PDB file of all heavy atoms in Angstrom:
ATOM      1  N   ARG A   1       7.374   3.656  15.290  1.00  0.00           N
ATOM      2  CA  ARG A   1       6.706   4.137  16.498  1.00  0.00           C
ATOM      3  C   ARG A   1       5.290   4.636  16.190  1.00  0.00           C
ATOM      4  O   ARG A   1       4.371   4.468  16.972  1.00  0.00           O
ATOM      5  CB  ARG A   1       7.534   5.263  17.115  1.00  0.00           C
ATOM      6  CG  ARG A   1       6.986   5.806  18.397  1.00  0.00           C
ATOM      7  CD  ARG A   1       7.912   6.902  18.946  1.00  0.00           C
ATOM      8  NE  ARG A   1       7.381   7.417  20.175  1.00  0.00           N
ATOM      9  CZ  ARG A   1       6.399   8.307  20.253  1.00  0.00           C
ATOM     10  NH1 ARG A   1       5.846   8.763  19.161  1.00  0.00           N
ATOM     11  NH2 ARG A   1       5.966   8.727  21.425  1.00  0.00           N
ATOM     12  N   ALA A   2       5.115   5.220  15.011  1.00  0.00           N
ATOM     13  CA  ALA A   2       3.818   5.763  14.609  1.00  0.00           C
ATOM     14  C   ALA A   2       2.938   4.717  13.914  1.00  0.00           C
ATOM     15  O   ALA A   2       1.841   5.029  13.475  1.00  0.00           O
ATOM     16  CB  ALA A   2       4.021   6.962  13.681  1.00  0.00           C
ATOM     17  N   GLY A   3       3.435   3.477  13.813  1.00  0.00           N
ATOM     18  CA  GLY A   3       2.650   2.427  13.161  1.00  0.00           C
ATOM     19  C   GLY A   3       2.670   2.514  11.651  1.00  0.00           C
ATOM     20  O   GLY A   3       1.772   2.026  10.979  1.00  0.00           O
ATOM     21  N   ARG A   4       3.729   3.125  11.113  1.00  0.00           N
ATOM     22  CA  ARG A   4       3.879   3.228   9.663  1.00  0.00           C
ATOM     23  C   ARG A   4       5.077   2.384   9.230  1.00  0.00           C
ATOM     24  O   ARG A   4       5.952   2.067  10.022  1.00  0.00           O
ATOM     25  CB  ARG A   4       4.126   4.680   9.245  1.00  0.00           C
ATOM     26  CG  ARG A   4       2.952   5.596   9.469  1.00  0.00           C
ATOM     27  CD  ARG A   4       3.189   6.979   8.867  1.00  0.00           C
ATOM     28  NE  ARG A   4       4.467   7.555   9.217  1.00  0.00           N
ATOM     29  CZ  ARG A   4       4.643   8.527  10.102  1.00  0.00           C
ATOM     30  NH1 ARG A   4       3.616   9.044  10.734  1.00  0.00           N
ATOM     31  NH2 ARG A   4       5.845   9.007  10.345  1.00  0.00           N
ATOM     32  N   VAL A   5       5.094   2.054   7.960  1.00  0.00           N
ATOM     33  CA  VAL A   5       6.211   1.302   7.402  1.00  0.00           C
ATOM     34  C   VAL A   5       6.467   1.813   5.984  1.00  0.00           C
ATOM     35  O   VAL A   5       5.553   2.266   5.302  1.00  0.00           O
ATOM     36  CB  VAL A   5       5.916  -0.223   7.416  1.00  0.00           C
ATOM     37  CG1 VAL A   5       4.779  -0.569   6.487  1.00  0.00           C
ATOM     38  CG2 VAL A   5       7.150  -1.032   7.111  1.00  0.00           C
ATOM     39  N   ARG A   6       7.714   1.752   5.559  1.00  0.00           N
ATOM     40  CA  ARG A   6       8.082   2.166   4.205  1.00  0.00           C
ATOM     41  C   ARG A   6       8.042   0.955   3.286  1.00  0.00           C
ATOM     42  O   ARG A   6       8.438  -0.139   3.669  1.00  0.00           O
ATOM     43  CB  ARG A   6       9.507   2.689   4.162  1.00  0.00           C
ATOM     44  CG  ARG A   6       9.697   4.037   4.723  1.00  0.00           C
ATOM     45  CD  ARG A   6      11.083   4.494   4.395  1.00  0.00           C
ATOM     46  NE  ARG A   6      11.657   5.154   5.542  1.00  0.00           N
ATOM     47  CZ  ARG A   6      12.872   5.635   5.579  1.00  0.00           C
ATOM     48  NH1 ARG A   6      13.658   5.496   4.546  1.00  0.00           N
ATOM     49  NH2 ARG A   6      13.314   6.244   6.644  1.00  0.00           N
ATOM     50  N   ALA A   7       7.618   1.185   2.081  1.00  0.00           N
ATOM     51  CA  ALA A   7       7.653   0.145   1.058  1.00  0.00           C
ATOM     52  C   ALA A   7       8.347   0.724  -0.165  1.00  0.00           C
ATOM     53  O   ALA A   7       7.907   1.734  -0.716  1.00  0.00           O
ATOM     54  CB  ALA A   7       6.245  -0.310   0.703  1.00  0.00           C
ATOM     55  N   GLU A   8       9.433   0.092  -0.569  1.00  0.00           N
ATOM     56  CA  GLU A   8      10.114   0.510  -1.790  1.00  0.00           C
ATOM     57  C   GLU A   8       9.447  -0.224  -2.939  1.00  0.00           C
ATOM     58  O   GLU A   8       9.370  -1.455  -2.944  1.00  0.00           O
ATOM     59  CB  GLU A   8      11.597   0.159  -1.730  1.00  0.00           C
ATOM     60  CG  GLU A   8      12.331   0.567  -2.982  1.00  0.00           C
ATOM     61  CD  GLU A   8      13.786   0.157  -2.979  1.00  0.00           C
ATOM     62  OE1 GLU A   8      14.155  -0.772  -2.251  1.00  0.00           O
ATOM     63  OE2 GLU A   8      14.549   0.765  -3.736  1.00  0.00           O
ATOM     64  N   VAL A   9       8.937   0.532  -3.884  1.00  0.00           N
ATOM     65  CA  VAL A   9       8.217  -0.033  -5.023  1.00  0.00           C
ATOM     66  C   VAL A   9       9.027   0.248  -6.283  1.00  0.00           C
ATOM     67  O   VAL A   9       9.310   1.403  -6.598  1.00  0.00           O
ATOM     68  CB  VAL A   9       6.802   0.576  -5.135  1.00  0.00           C
ATOM     69  CG1 VAL A   9       6.095   0.065  -6.367  1.00  0.00           C
ATOM     70  CG2 VAL A   9       6.003   0.287  -3.880  1.00  0.00           C
ATOM     71  N   ILE A  10       9.393  -0.824  -6.976  1.00  0.00           N
ATOM     72  CA  ILE A  10      10.204  -0.695  -8.186  1.00  0.00           C
ATOM     73  C   ILE A  10       9.366  -1.142  -9.377  1.00  0.00           C
ATOM     74  O   ILE A  10       8.828  -2.251  -9.383  1.00  0.00           O
ATOM     75  CB  ILE A  10      11.476  -1.553  -8.090  1.00  0.00           C
ATOM     76  CG1 ILE A  10      12.258  -1.192  -6.831  1.00  0.00           C
ATOM     77  CG2 ILE A  10      12.331  -1.382  -9.337  1.00  0.00           C
ATOM     78  CD1 ILE A  10      13.346  -2.182  -6.477  1.00  0.00           C
ATOM     79  N   THR A  11       9.254  -0.264 -10.364  1.00  0.00           N
ATOM     80  CA  THR A  11       8.553  -0.586 -11.604  1.00  0.00           C
ATOM     81  C   THR A  11       9.498  -0.320 -12.773  1.00  0.00           C
ATOM     82  O   THR A  11      10.477   0.407 -12.631  1.00  0.00           O
ATOM     83  CB  THR A  11       7.283   0.266 -11.773  1.00  0.00           C
ATOM     84  OG1 THR A  11       7.635   1.650 -11.721  1.00  0.00           O
ATOM     85  CG2 THR A  11       6.261  -0.036 -10.689  1.00  0.00           C
ATOM     86  N   ALA A  12       9.194  -0.935 -13.908  1.00  0.00           N
ATOM     87  CA  ALA A  12      10.043  -0.739 -15.085  1.00  0.00           C
ATOM     88  C   ALA A  12       9.895   0.676 -15.632  1.00  0.00           C
ATOM     89  O   ALA A  12      10.859   1.277 -16.103  1.00  0.00           O
ATOM     90  CB  ALA A  12       9.700  -1.764 -16.163  1.00  0.00           C
ATOM     91  N   THR A  13       8.681   1.203 -15.571  1.00  0.00           N
ATOM     92  CA  THR A  13       8.406   2.574 -16.031  1.00  0.00           C
ATOM     93  C   THR A  13       7.485   3.240 -15.018  1.00  0.00           C
ATOM     94  O   THR A  13       6.971   2.587 -14.115  1.00  0.00           O
ATOM     95  CB  THR A  13       7.705   2.575 -17.412  1.00  0.00           C
ATOM     96  OG1 THR A  13       6.454   1.895 -17.281  1.00  0.00           O
ATOM     97  CG2 THR A  13       8.551   1.918 -18.480  1.00  0.00           C
ATOM     98  N   GLY A  14       7.274   4.521 -15.196  1.00  0.00           N
ATOM     99  CA  GLY A  14       6.361   5.233 -14.309  1.00  0.00           C
ATOM    100  C   GLY A  14       4.941   4.697 -14.454  1.00  0.00           C
ATOM    101  O   GLY A  14       4.536   4.283 -15.539  1.00  0.00           O
ATOM    102  N   MET A  15       4.223   4.692 -13.383  1.00  0.00           N
ATOM    103  CA  MET A  15       2.854   4.184 -13.373  1.00  0.00           C
ATOM    104  C   MET A  15       1.912   5.314 -12.961  1.00  0.00           C
ATOM    105  O   MET A  15       2.326   6.255 -12.292  1.00  0.00           O
ATOM    106  CB  MET A  15       2.727   3.019 -12.391  1.00  0.00           C
ATOM    107  CG  MET A  15       3.670   1.855 -12.679  1.00  0.00           C
ATOM    108  SD  MET A  15       3.374   1.082 -14.257  1.00  0.00           S
ATOM    109  CE  MET A  15       1.902   0.176 -13.906  1.00  0.00           C
ATOM    110  N   PRO A  16       0.625   5.185 -13.299  1.00  0.00           N
ATOM    111  CA  PRO A  16      -0.342   6.212 -12.878  1.00  0.00           C
ATOM    112  C   PRO A  16      -0.498   6.206 -11.355  1.00  0.00           C
ATOM    113  O   PRO A  16      -0.335   5.174 -10.708  1.00  0.00           O
ATOM    114  CB  PRO A  16      -1.653   5.789 -13.552  1.00  0.00           C
ATOM    115  CG  PRO A  16      -1.341   4.639 -14.433  1.00  0.00           C
ATOM    116  CD  PRO A  16       0.026   4.164 -14.135  1.00  0.00           C
ATOM    117  N   GLU A  17      -0.839   7.349 -10.801  1.00  0.00           N
ATOM    118  CA  GLU A  17      -1.008   7.461  -9.344  1.00  0.00           C
ATOM    119  C   GLU A  17      -2.083   6.515  -8.823  1.00  0.00           C
ATOM    120  O   GLU A  17      -1.997   6.031  -7.699  1.00  0.00           O
ATOM    121  CB  GLU A  17      -1.318   8.907  -8.950  1.00  0.00           C
ATOM    122  CG  GLU A  17      -0.103   9.813  -8.944  1.00  0.00           C
ATOM    123  CD  GLU A  17       1.030   9.310  -8.057  1.00  0.00           C
ATOM    124  OE1 GLU A  17       0.789   8.930  -6.894  1.00  0.00           O
ATOM    125  OE2 GLU A  17       2.180   9.292  -8.528  1.00  0.00           O
ATOM    126  N   ALA A  18      -3.102   6.234  -9.630  1.00  0.00           N
ATOM    127  CA  ALA A  18      -4.163   5.309  -9.208  1.00  0.00           C
ATOM    128  C   ALA A  18      -3.586   3.921  -8.940  1.00  0.00           C
ATOM    129  O   ALA A  18      -4.002   3.233  -8.008  1.00  0.00           O
ATOM    130  CB  ALA A  18      -5.255   5.237 -10.270  1.00  0.00           C
ATOM    131  N   TYR A  19      -2.604   3.510  -9.741  1.00  0.00           N
ATOM    132  CA  TYR A  19      -1.956   2.212  -9.539  1.00  0.00           C
ATOM    133  C   TYR A  19      -1.227   2.188  -8.195  1.00  0.00           C
ATOM    134  O   TYR A  19      -1.342   1.241  -7.425  1.00  0.00           O
ATOM    135  CB  TYR A  19      -0.976   1.928 -10.681  1.00  0.00           C
ATOM    136  CG  TYR A  19      -0.185   0.661 -10.474  1.00  0.00           C
ATOM    137  CD1 TYR A  19      -0.728  -0.574 -10.797  1.00  0.00           C
ATOM    138  CD2 TYR A  19       1.110   0.703  -9.944  1.00  0.00           C
ATOM    139  CE1 TYR A  19      -0.012  -1.744 -10.598  1.00  0.00           C
ATOM    140  CE2 TYR A  19       1.826  -0.451  -9.738  1.00  0.00           C
ATOM    141  CZ  TYR A  19       1.263  -1.678 -10.067  1.00  0.00           C
ATOM    142  OH  TYR A  19       1.977  -2.827  -9.856  1.00  0.00           O
ATOM    143  N   TYR A  20      -0.473   3.259  -7.925  1.00  0.00           N
ATOM    144  CA  TYR A  20       0.261   3.326  -6.659  1.00  0.00           C
ATOM    145  C   TYR A  20      -0.689   3.360  -5.464  1.00  0.00           C
ATOM    146  O   TYR A  20      -0.412   2.755  -4.424  1.00  0.00           O
ATOM    147  CB  TYR A  20       1.196   4.538  -6.634  1.00  0.00           C
ATOM    148  CG  TYR A  20       2.378   4.407  -7.561  1.00  0.00           C
ATOM    149  CD1 TYR A  20       2.551   5.273  -8.629  1.00  0.00           C
ATOM    150  CD2 TYR A  20       3.333   3.409  -7.359  1.00  0.00           C
ATOM    151  CE1 TYR A  20       3.644   5.150  -9.479  1.00  0.00           C
ATOM    152  CE2 TYR A  20       4.428   3.286  -8.211  1.00  0.00           C
ATOM    153  CZ  TYR A  20       4.574   4.155  -9.259  1.00  0.00           C
ATOM    154  OH  TYR A  20       5.652   4.030 -10.097  1.00  0.00           O
ATOM    155  N   ALA A  21      -1.812   4.050  -5.605  1.00  0.00           N
ATOM    156  CA  ALA A  21      -2.791   4.113  -4.513  1.00  0.00           C
ATOM    157  C   ALA A  21      -3.368   2.728  -4.233  1.00  0.00           C
ATOM    158  O   ALA A  21      -3.514   2.323  -3.066  1.00  0.00           O
ATOM    159  CB  ALA A  21      -3.906   5.094  -4.859  1.00  0.00           C
ATOM    160  N   GLN A  22      -3.679   1.984  -5.291  1.00  0.00           N
ATOM    161  CA  GLN A  22      -4.212   0.625  -5.123  1.00  0.00           C
ATOM    162  C   GLN A  22      -3.147  -0.284  -4.502  1.00  0.00           C
ATOM    163  O   GLN A  22      -3.450  -1.075  -3.608  1.00  0.00           O
ATOM    164  CB  GLN A  22      -4.655   0.079  -6.478  1.00  0.00           C
ATOM    165  CG  GLN A  22      -5.290  -1.290  -6.407  1.00  0.00           C
ATOM    166  CD  GLN A  22      -5.731  -1.781  -7.787  1.00  0.00           C
ATOM    167  OE1 GLN A  22      -5.551  -1.100  -8.797  1.00  0.00           O
ATOM    168  NE2 GLN A  22      -6.309  -2.963  -7.824  1.00  0.00           N
ATOM    169  N   LEU A  23      -1.918  -0.172  -4.955  1.00  0.00           N
ATOM    170  CA  LEU A  23      -0.828  -0.967  -4.392  1.00  0.00           C
ATOM    171  C   LEU A  23      -0.615  -0.624  -2.925  1.00  0.00           C
ATOM    172  O   LEU A  23      -0.407  -1.516  -2.080  1.00  0.00           O
ATOM    173  CB  LEU A  23       0.459  -0.727  -5.196  1.00  0.00           C
ATOM    174  CG  LEU A  23       1.696  -1.490  -4.754  1.00  0.00           C
ATOM    175  CD1 LEU A  23       1.464  -2.997  -4.822  1.00  0.00           C
ATOM    176  CD2 LEU A  23       2.881  -1.097  -5.615  1.00  0.00           C
ATOM    177  N   GLN A  24      -0.683   0.654  -2.590  1.00  0.00           N
ATOM    178  CA  GLN A  24      -0.524   1.084  -1.204  1.00  0.00           C
ATOM    179  C   GLN A  24      -1.600   0.458  -0.321  1.00  0.00           C
ATOM    180  O   GLN A  24      -1.307  -0.045   0.762  1.00  0.00           O
ATOM    181  CB  GLN A  24      -0.568   2.612  -1.111  1.00  0.00           C
ATOM    182  CG  GLN A  24      -0.351   3.134   0.281  1.00  0.00           C
ATOM    183  CD  GLN A  24      -0.305   4.655   0.319  1.00  0.00           C
ATOM    184  OE1 GLN A  24      -0.547   5.331  -0.676  1.00  0.00           O
ATOM    185  NE2 GLN A  24       0.004   5.201   1.473  1.00  0.00           N
ATOM    186  N   ARG A  25      -2.846   0.471  -0.779  1.00  0.00           N
ATOM    187  CA  ARG A  25      -3.941  -0.135  -0.007  1.00  0.00           C
ATOM    188  C   ARG A  25      -3.706  -1.634   0.195  1.00  0.00           C
ATOM    189  O   ARG A  25      -3.912  -2.161   1.285  1.00  0.00           O
ATOM    190  CB  ARG A  25      -5.289   0.110  -0.689  1.00  0.00           C
ATOM    191  CG  ARG A  25      -5.821   1.522  -0.502  1.00  0.00           C
ATOM    192  CD  ARG A  25      -7.261   1.659  -0.960  1.00  0.00           C
ATOM    193  NE  ARG A  25      -7.452   1.360  -2.378  1.00  0.00           N
ATOM    194  CZ  ARG A  25      -7.273   2.224  -3.375  1.00  0.00           C
ATOM    195  NH1 ARG A  25      -6.892   3.466  -3.105  1.00  0.00           N
ATOM    196  NH2 ARG A  25      -7.476   1.874  -4.622  1.00  0.00           N
ATOM    197  N   ALA A  26      -3.260  -2.307  -0.856  1.00  0.00           N
ATOM    198  CA  ALA A  26      -3.006  -3.753  -0.751  1.00  0.00           C
ATOM    199  C   ALA A  26      -1.881  -4.040   0.248  1.00  0.00           C
ATOM    200  O   ALA A  26      -1.993  -4.959   1.066  1.00  0.00           O
ATOM    201  CB  ALA A  26      -2.650  -4.318  -2.124  1.00  0.00           C
ATOM    202  N   LEU A  27      -0.828  -3.238   0.205  1.00  0.00           N
ATOM    203  CA  LEU A  27       0.283  -3.440   1.144  1.00  0.00           C
ATOM    204  C   LEU A  27      -0.129  -3.117   2.578  1.00  0.00           C
ATOM    205  O   LEU A  27       0.331  -3.761   3.526  1.00  0.00           O
ATOM    206  CB  LEU A  27       1.497  -2.596   0.731  1.00  0.00           C
ATOM    207  CG  LEU A  27       2.197  -3.056  -0.557  1.00  0.00           C
ATOM    208  CD1 LEU A  27       3.254  -2.033  -0.977  1.00  0.00           C
ATOM    209  CD2 LEU A  27       2.822  -4.431  -0.385  1.00  0.00           C
ATOM    210  N   GLU A  28      -1.008  -2.147   2.744  1.00  0.00           N
ATOM    211  CA  GLU A  28      -1.510  -1.822   4.076  1.00  0.00           C
ATOM    212  C   GLU A  28      -2.336  -2.976   4.639  1.00  0.00           C
ATOM    213  O   GLU A  28      -2.258  -3.271   5.829  1.00  0.00           O
ATOM    214  CB  GLU A  28      -2.325  -0.524   4.044  1.00  0.00           C
ATOM    215  CG  GLU A  28      -1.460   0.708   3.895  1.00  0.00           C
ATOM    216  CD  GLU A  28      -2.233   2.002   3.705  1.00  0.00           C
ATOM    217  OE1 GLU A  28      -3.467   1.959   3.503  1.00  0.00           O
ATOM    218  OE2 GLU A  28      -1.583   3.069   3.742  1.00  0.00           O
ATOM    219  N   GLN A  29      -3.095  -3.649   3.778  1.00  0.00           N
ATOM    220  CA  GLN A  29      -3.856  -4.809   4.236  1.00  0.00           C
ATOM    221  C   GLN A  29      -2.930  -5.949   4.635  1.00  0.00           C
ATOM    222  O   GLN A  29      -3.150  -6.618   5.644  1.00  0.00           O
ATOM    223  CB  GLN A  29      -4.825  -5.288   3.149  1.00  0.00           C
ATOM    224  CG  GLN A  29      -6.017  -4.379   2.962  1.00  0.00           C
ATOM    225  CD  GLN A  29      -6.942  -4.868   1.860  1.00  0.00           C
ATOM    226  OE1 GLN A  29      -6.559  -5.681   1.027  1.00  0.00           O
ATOM    227  NE2 GLN A  29      -8.163  -4.354   1.862  1.00  0.00           N
ATOM    228  N   VAL A  30      -1.882  -6.172   3.859  1.00  0.00           N
ATOM    229  CA  VAL A  30      -0.939  -7.259   4.141  1.00  0.00           C
ATOM    230  C   VAL A  30      -0.154  -6.995   5.423  1.00  0.00           C
ATOM    231  O   VAL A  30       0.042  -7.901   6.238  1.00  0.00           O
ATOM    232  CB  VAL A  30       0.034  -7.461   2.948  1.00  0.00           C
ATOM    233  CG1 VAL A  30       1.173  -8.389   3.311  1.00  0.00           C
ATOM    234  CG2 VAL A  30      -0.721  -7.984   1.736  1.00  0.00           C
ATOM    235  N   THR A  31       0.285  -5.750   5.613  1.00  0.00           N
ATOM    236  CA  THR A  31       1.142  -5.432   6.769  1.00  0.00           C
ATOM    237  C   THR A  31       0.356  -5.041   8.008  1.00  0.00           C
ATOM    238  O   THR A  31       0.871  -5.129   9.122  1.00  0.00           O
ATOM    239  CB  THR A  31       2.099  -4.272   6.435  1.00  0.00           C
ATOM    240  OG1 THR A  31       1.342  -3.093   6.142  1.00  0.00           O
ATOM    241  CG2 THR A  31       3.016  -4.623   5.272  1.00  0.00           C
ATOM    242  N   GLY A  32      -0.864  -4.556   7.816  1.00  0.00           N
ATOM    243  CA  GLY A  32      -1.644  -4.071   8.948  1.00  0.00           C
ATOM    244  C   GLY A  32      -1.153  -2.726   9.462  1.00  0.00           C
ATOM    245  O   GLY A  32      -1.477  -2.311  10.568  1.00  0.00           O
ATOM    246  N   LYS A  33      -0.343  -2.038   8.659  1.00  0.00           N
ATOM    247  CA  LYS A  33       0.208  -0.738   9.041  1.00  0.00           C
ATOM    248  C   LYS A  33      -0.006   0.258   7.915  1.00  0.00           C
ATOM    249  O   LYS A  33      -0.250  -0.107   6.772  1.00  0.00           O
ATOM    250  CB  LYS A  33       1.711  -0.849   9.317  1.00  0.00           C
ATOM    251  CG  LYS A  33       2.048  -1.726  10.487  1.00  0.00           C
ATOM    252  CD  LYS A  33       3.536  -1.760  10.723  1.00  0.00           C
ATOM    253  CE  LYS A  33       3.835  -2.619  11.936  1.00  0.00           C
ATOM    254  NZ  LYS A  33       5.241  -2.595  12.282  1.00  0.00           N
ATOM    255  N   LYS A  34       0.118   1.530   8.258  1.00  0.00           N
ATOM    256  CA  LYS A  34       0.078   2.595   7.257  1.00  0.00           C
ATOM    257  C   LYS A  34       1.372   2.507   6.450  1.00  0.00           C
ATOM    258  O   LYS A  34       2.464   2.437   7.006  1.00  0.00           O
ATOM    259  CB  LYS A  34      -0.033   3.950   7.967  1.00  0.00           C
ATOM    260  CG  LYS A  34      -0.049   5.118   7.047  1.00  0.00           C
ATOM    261  CD  LYS A  34      -1.402   5.307   6.421  1.00  0.00           C
ATOM    262  CE  LYS A  34      -1.383   6.588   5.609  1.00  0.00           C
ATOM    263  NZ  LYS A  34      -2.032   6.455   4.349  1.00  0.00           N
ATOM    264  N   VAL A  35       1.259   2.496   5.126  1.00  0.00           N
ATOM    265  CA  VAL A  35       2.411   2.306   4.246  1.00  0.00           C
ATOM    266  C   VAL A  35       2.753   3.612   3.533  1.00  0.00           C
ATOM    267  O   VAL A  35       1.874   4.288   3.001  1.00  0.00           O
ATOM    268  CB  VAL A  35       2.131   1.192   3.214  1.00  0.00           C
ATOM    269  CG1 VAL A  35       3.247   1.104   2.186  1.00  0.00           C
ATOM    270  CG2 VAL A  35       1.943  -0.146   3.909  1.00  0.00           C
ATOM    271  N   THR A  36       4.043   3.936   3.538  1.00  0.00           N
ATOM    272  CA  THR A  36       4.570   5.057   2.765  1.00  0.00           C
ATOM    273  C   THR A  36       5.339   4.477   1.598  1.00  0.00           C
ATOM    274  O   THR A  36       6.277   3.699   1.800  1.00  0.00           O
ATOM    275  CB  THR A  36       5.513   5.924   3.625  1.00  0.00           C
ATOM    276  OG1 THR A  36       4.801   6.379   4.776  1.00  0.00           O
ATOM    277  CG2 THR A  36       6.039   7.101   2.837  1.00  0.00           C
ATOM    278  N   LEU A  37       4.946   4.819   0.382  1.00  0.00           N
ATOM    279  CA  LEU A  37       5.605   4.273  -0.808  1.00  0.00           C
ATOM    280  C   LEU A  37       6.808   5.116  -1.206  1.00  0.00           C
ATOM    281  O   LEU A  37       6.721   6.345  -1.266  1.00  0.00           O
ATOM    282  CB  LEU A  37       4.637   4.218  -1.986  1.00  0.00           C
ATOM    283  CG  LEU A  37       3.445   3.282  -1.877  1.00  0.00           C
ATOM    284  CD1 LEU A  37       2.633   3.325  -3.170  1.00  0.00           C
ATOM    285  CD2 LEU A  37       3.865   1.874  -1.571  1.00  0.00           C
ATOM    286  N   LEU A  38       7.903   4.449  -1.485  1.00  0.00           N
ATOM    287  CA  LEU A  38       9.087   5.075  -2.061  1.00  0.00           C
ATOM    288  C   LEU A  38       9.200   4.514  -3.471  1.00  0.00           C
ATOM    289  O   LEU A  38       9.520   3.342  -3.652  1.00  0.00           O
ATOM    290  CB  LEU A  38      10.336   4.735  -1.245  1.00  0.00           C
ATOM    291  CG  LEU A  38      10.284   5.095   0.230  1.00  0.00           C
ATOM    292  CD1 LEU A  38      11.494   4.548   0.957  1.00  0.00           C
ATOM    293  CD2 LEU A  38      10.209   6.589   0.396  1.00  0.00           C
TER     294      LEU A  38
END
């Protein structure tokens, strides 16, 4: 309803926050919605 979507992100090990921020931006471009990473 708020134009957001969840994205479950699975990595083999923990990643730096900068990586997750870049991935979030890329997923937002693909979906056209605000993405919340799990």
